[in-house]
Amino acid sequence: MKKHLFGLLTLVLLAFGFTAQAGDDNEKEVKIKTSAICEMCKSRIERNLAFEKGVKESNLDLTNKVVTVKYNPKKTDVNRIKATISKTGYDADEVTADEKGYAKLPSCCKKGGMKHH
C-alpha cells in the first residue's frame, strides 16, 4: 500500500514538474526605456502593466528608466506592452506617451519628461 501511494505521489510530482517547466519555456523578457521620473511613476507603470493580460512581472529601474517585463508571448506582445506604457502617460522606447495619459499625470511626473503638445 505504501509503495503504491509513494509511486502515485512520485508520478504526480513528476507531472507537475514537467508542467511547471513547460510554462517557463513560454515566458519572454523585454527591456523598455521609459520617461519615468519617480517612485509614483514606477508604481503607476508597474500597476498598469499588471493589468495587461499575459504580463507576469514588471520592474522599473528608476536609475536607468528601464522597465523589465516578463510576459507570456501567447497572450501579449512587445507592441501591446509599449502601448500600455504609452497609455499610462510615459514614453516606451520609440512609442511616445499618449497625450491623454500624459495629461492625467501629476505635475511632478512631468518634470524633465519629453515635451508633449
C-alpha atoms as a PDB file:
ATOM      1  CA  MET A   1       0.000   0.000   0.000  1.00  0.00           C
ATOM      2  CA  LYS A   2       2.782   2.461   0.936  1.00  0.00           C
ATOM      3  CA  LYS A   3       4.712   1.639  -2.256  1.00  0.00           C
ATOM      4  CA  HIS A   4       1.587   2.260  -4.335  1.00  0.00           C
ATOM      5  CA  LEU A   5       0.946   5.582  -2.598  1.00  0.00           C
ATOM      6  CA  PHE A   6       4.607   6.579  -2.933  1.00  0.00           C
ATOM      7  CA  GLY A   7       4.570   5.676  -6.640  1.00  0.00           C
ATOM      8  CA  LEU A   8       1.411   7.718  -7.204  1.00  0.00           C
ATOM      9  CA  LEU A   9       2.850  10.694  -5.321  1.00  0.00           C
ATOM     10  CA  THR A  10       6.073  10.495  -7.344  1.00  0.00           C
ATOM     11  CA  LEU A  11       4.086  10.388 -10.589  1.00  0.00           C
ATOM     12  CA  VAL A  12       2.044  13.446  -9.568  1.00  0.00           C
ATOM     13  CA  LEU A  13       5.171  15.395  -8.617  1.00  0.00           C
ATOM     14  CA  LEU A  14       6.890  14.483 -11.888  1.00  0.00           C
ATOM     15  CA  ALA A  15       3.848  15.540 -13.898  1.00  0.00           C
ATOM     16  CA  PHE A  16       3.691  18.829 -12.000  1.00  0.00           C
ATOM     17  CA  GLY A  17       7.399  19.393 -12.561  1.00  0.00           C
ATOM     18  CA  PHE A  18       7.073  18.908 -16.313  1.00  0.00           C
ATOM     19  CA  THR A  19       4.046  21.206 -16.455  1.00  0.00           C
ATOM     20  CA  ALA A  20       5.805  23.939 -14.469  1.00  0.00           C
ATOM     21  CA  GLN A  21       8.916  23.607 -16.578  1.00  0.00           C
ATOM     22  CA  ALA A  22       6.922  23.795 -19.815  1.00  0.00           C
ATOM     23  CA  GLY A  23       5.329  27.015 -18.568  1.00  0.00           C
ATOM     24  CA  ASP A  24       8.746  28.613 -18.065  1.00  0.00           C
ATOM     25  CA  ASP A  25       9.675  27.963 -21.703  1.00  0.00           C
ATOM     26  CA  ASN A  26       6.784  30.197 -22.791  1.00  0.00           C
ATOM     27  CA  GLU A  27       8.000  33.202 -20.823  1.00  0.00           C
ATOM     28  CA  LYS A  28       9.847  36.026 -22.555  1.00  0.00           C
ATOM     29  CA  GLU A  29      11.504  39.150 -21.217  1.00  0.00           C
ATOM     30  CA  VAL A  30      11.774  42.614 -22.733  1.00  0.00           C
ATOM     31  CA  LYS A  31      13.510  45.785 -21.538  1.00  0.00           C
ATOM     32  CA  ILE A  32      11.828  49.066 -22.462  1.00  0.00           C
ATOM     33  CA  LYS A  33      13.225  52.573 -21.922  1.00  0.00           C
ATOM     34  CA  THR A  34      10.633  54.888 -20.353  1.00  0.00           C
ATOM     35  CA  SER A  35      10.319  58.555 -19.437  1.00  0.00           C
ATOM     36  CA  ALA A  36       9.565  57.725 -15.788  1.00  0.00           C
ATOM     37  CA  ILE A  37      10.979  60.026 -13.126  1.00  0.00           C
ATOM     38  CA  CYS A  38       9.983  58.997  -9.606  1.00  0.00           C
ATOM     39  CA  GLU A  39       8.529  56.301  -7.358  1.00  0.00           C
ATOM     40  CA  MET A  40       4.996  57.399  -8.296  1.00  0.00           C
ATOM     41  CA  CYS A  41       5.863  56.845 -11.960  1.00  0.00           C
ATOM     42  CA  LYS A  42       7.301  53.426 -11.092  1.00  0.00           C
ATOM     43  CA  SER A  43       4.156  52.420  -9.179  1.00  0.00           C
ATOM     44  CA  ARG A  44       1.853  53.675 -11.927  1.00  0.00           C
ATOM     45  CA  ILE A  45       3.673  51.839 -14.732  1.00  0.00           C
ATOM     46  CA  GLU A  46       4.073  48.578 -12.807  1.00  0.00           C
ATOM     47  CA  ARG A  47       0.414  48.647 -11.667  1.00  0.00           C
ATOM     48  CA  ASN A  48      -0.917  49.232 -15.187  1.00  0.00           C
ATOM     49  CA  LEU A  49       1.320  46.525 -16.631  1.00  0.00           C
ATOM     50  CA  ALA A  50      -0.008  44.113 -14.002  1.00  0.00           C
ATOM     51  CA  PHE A  51      -3.455  44.538 -15.568  1.00  0.00           C
ATOM     52  CA  GLU A  52      -2.153  43.721 -19.054  1.00  0.00           C
ATOM     53  CA  LYS A  53      -3.169  40.176 -19.979  1.00  0.00           C
ATOM     54  CA  GLY A  54      -0.088  37.964 -20.278  1.00  0.00           C
ATOM     55  CA  VAL A  55       2.257  40.161 -18.244  1.00  0.00           C
ATOM     56  CA  LYS A  56       3.689  38.061 -15.441  1.00  0.00           C
ATOM     57  CA  GLU A  57       6.025  40.571 -13.803  1.00  0.00           C
ATOM     58  CA  SER A  58       7.428  44.050 -14.315  1.00  0.00           C
ATOM     59  CA  ASN A  59      10.119  46.021 -12.550  1.00  0.00           C
ATOM     60  CA  LEU A  60      11.092  49.597 -13.352  1.00  0.00           C
ATOM     61  CA  ASP A  61      14.647  50.609 -12.512  1.00  0.00           C
ATOM     62  CA  LEU A  62      14.484  54.364 -11.946  1.00  0.00           C
ATOM     63  CA  THR A  63      18.258  54.738 -12.211  1.00  0.00           C
ATOM     64  CA  ASN A  64      18.239  53.951 -15.932  1.00  0.00           C
ATOM     65  CA  LYS A  65      14.463  54.376 -16.508  1.00  0.00           C
ATOM     66  CA  VAL A  66      14.207  50.865 -17.976  1.00  0.00           C
ATOM     67  CA  VAL A  67      11.274  48.607 -17.195  1.00  0.00           C
ATOM     68  CA  THR A  68      11.926  44.867 -17.432  1.00  0.00           C
ATOM     69  CA  VAL A  69       8.780  42.950 -18.302  1.00  0.00           C
ATOM     70  CA  LYS A  70       8.328  39.172 -18.158  1.00  0.00           C
ATOM     71  CA  TYR A  71       5.375  38.048 -20.244  1.00  0.00           C
ATOM     72  CA  ASN A  72       3.655  35.148 -21.978  1.00  0.00           C
ATOM     73  CA  PRO A  73       4.051  35.688 -25.753  1.00  0.00           C
ATOM     74  CA  LYS A  74       0.898  33.635 -26.392  1.00  0.00           C
ATOM     75  CA  LYS A  75      -1.171  36.256 -24.538  1.00  0.00           C
ATOM     76  CA  THR A  76       0.562  39.569 -25.325  1.00  0.00           C
ATOM     77  CA  ASP A  77       3.454  41.052 -27.260  1.00  0.00           C
ATOM     78  CA  VAL A  78       6.001  43.862 -27.040  1.00  0.00           C
ATOM     79  CA  ASN A  79       3.802  46.290 -29.003  1.00  0.00           C
ATOM     80  CA  ARG A  80       0.902  45.838 -26.568  1.00  0.00           C
ATOM     81  CA  ILE A  81       3.212  46.272 -23.599  1.00  0.00           C
ATOM     82  CA  LYS A  82       4.591  49.503 -25.083  1.00  0.00           C
ATOM     83  CA  ALA A  83       1.023  50.674 -25.814  1.00  0.00           C
ATOM     84  CA  THR A  84       0.085  50.113 -22.159  1.00  0.00           C
ATOM     85  CA  ILE A  85       3.056  52.189 -21.003  1.00  0.00           C
ATOM     86  CA  SER A  86       2.168  54.911 -23.520  1.00  0.00           C
ATOM     87  CA  LYS A  87      -1.497  54.988 -22.438  1.00  0.00           C
ATOM     88  CA  THR A  88      -0.262  55.356 -18.862  1.00  0.00           C
ATOM     89  CA  GLY A  89       1.392  58.615 -19.954  1.00  0.00           C
ATOM     90  CA  TYR A  90       5.019  57.618 -20.498  1.00  0.00           C
ATOM     91  CA  ASP A  91       7.287  57.088 -23.473  1.00  0.00           C
ATOM     92  CA  ALA A  92       8.138  53.460 -24.226  1.00  0.00           C
ATOM     93  CA  ASP A  93      11.213  53.226 -26.454  1.00  0.00           C
ATOM     94  CA  GLU A  94      10.158  54.759 -29.790  1.00  0.00           C
ATOM     95  CA  VAL A  95       6.473  54.991 -28.774  1.00  0.00           C
ATOM     96  CA  THR A  96       5.743  58.440 -27.376  1.00  0.00           C
ATOM     97  CA  ALA A  97       3.417  58.940 -24.433  1.00  0.00           C
ATOM     98  CA  ASP A  98      -0.283  59.132 -25.213  1.00  0.00           C
ATOM     99  CA  GLU A  99      -1.408  62.758 -24.832  1.00  0.00           C
ATOM    100  CA  LYS A 100      -4.477  61.891 -22.734  1.00  0.00           C
ATOM    101  CA  GLY A 101      -2.441  59.648 -20.436  1.00  0.00           C
ATOM    102  CA  TYR A 102       0.290  62.256 -20.111  1.00  0.00           C
ATOM    103  CA  ALA A 103      -2.255  64.975 -19.279  1.00  0.00           C
ATOM    104  CA  LYS A 104      -3.537  62.857 -16.359  1.00  0.00           C
ATOM    105  CA  LEU A 105      -0.094  62.542 -14.753  1.00  0.00           C
ATOM    106  CA  PRO A 106       0.650  64.557 -11.603  1.00  0.00           C
ATOM    107  CA  SER A 107       2.782  67.613 -12.419  1.00  0.00           C
ATOM    108  CA  CYS A 108       5.786  66.137 -10.585  1.00  0.00           C
ATOM    109  CA  CYS A 109       5.789  63.203 -13.013  1.00  0.00           C
ATOM    110  CA  LYS A 110       6.005  65.574 -15.989  1.00  0.00           C
ATOM    111  CA  LYS A 111       9.181  67.359 -14.871  1.00  0.00           C
ATOM    112  CA  GLY A 112      12.115  66.614 -17.101  1.00  0.00           C
ATOM    113  CA  GLY A 113       9.969  64.414 -19.306  1.00  0.00           C
ATOM    114  CA  MET A 114       9.739  64.862 -23.028  1.00  0.00           C
ATOM    115  CA  LYS A 115       7.632  67.784 -24.196  1.00  0.00           C
ATOM    116  CA  HIS A 116       4.122  66.844 -25.241  1.00  0.00           C
ATOM    117  CA  HIS A 117       1.672  69.040 -27.103  1.00  0.00           C
END
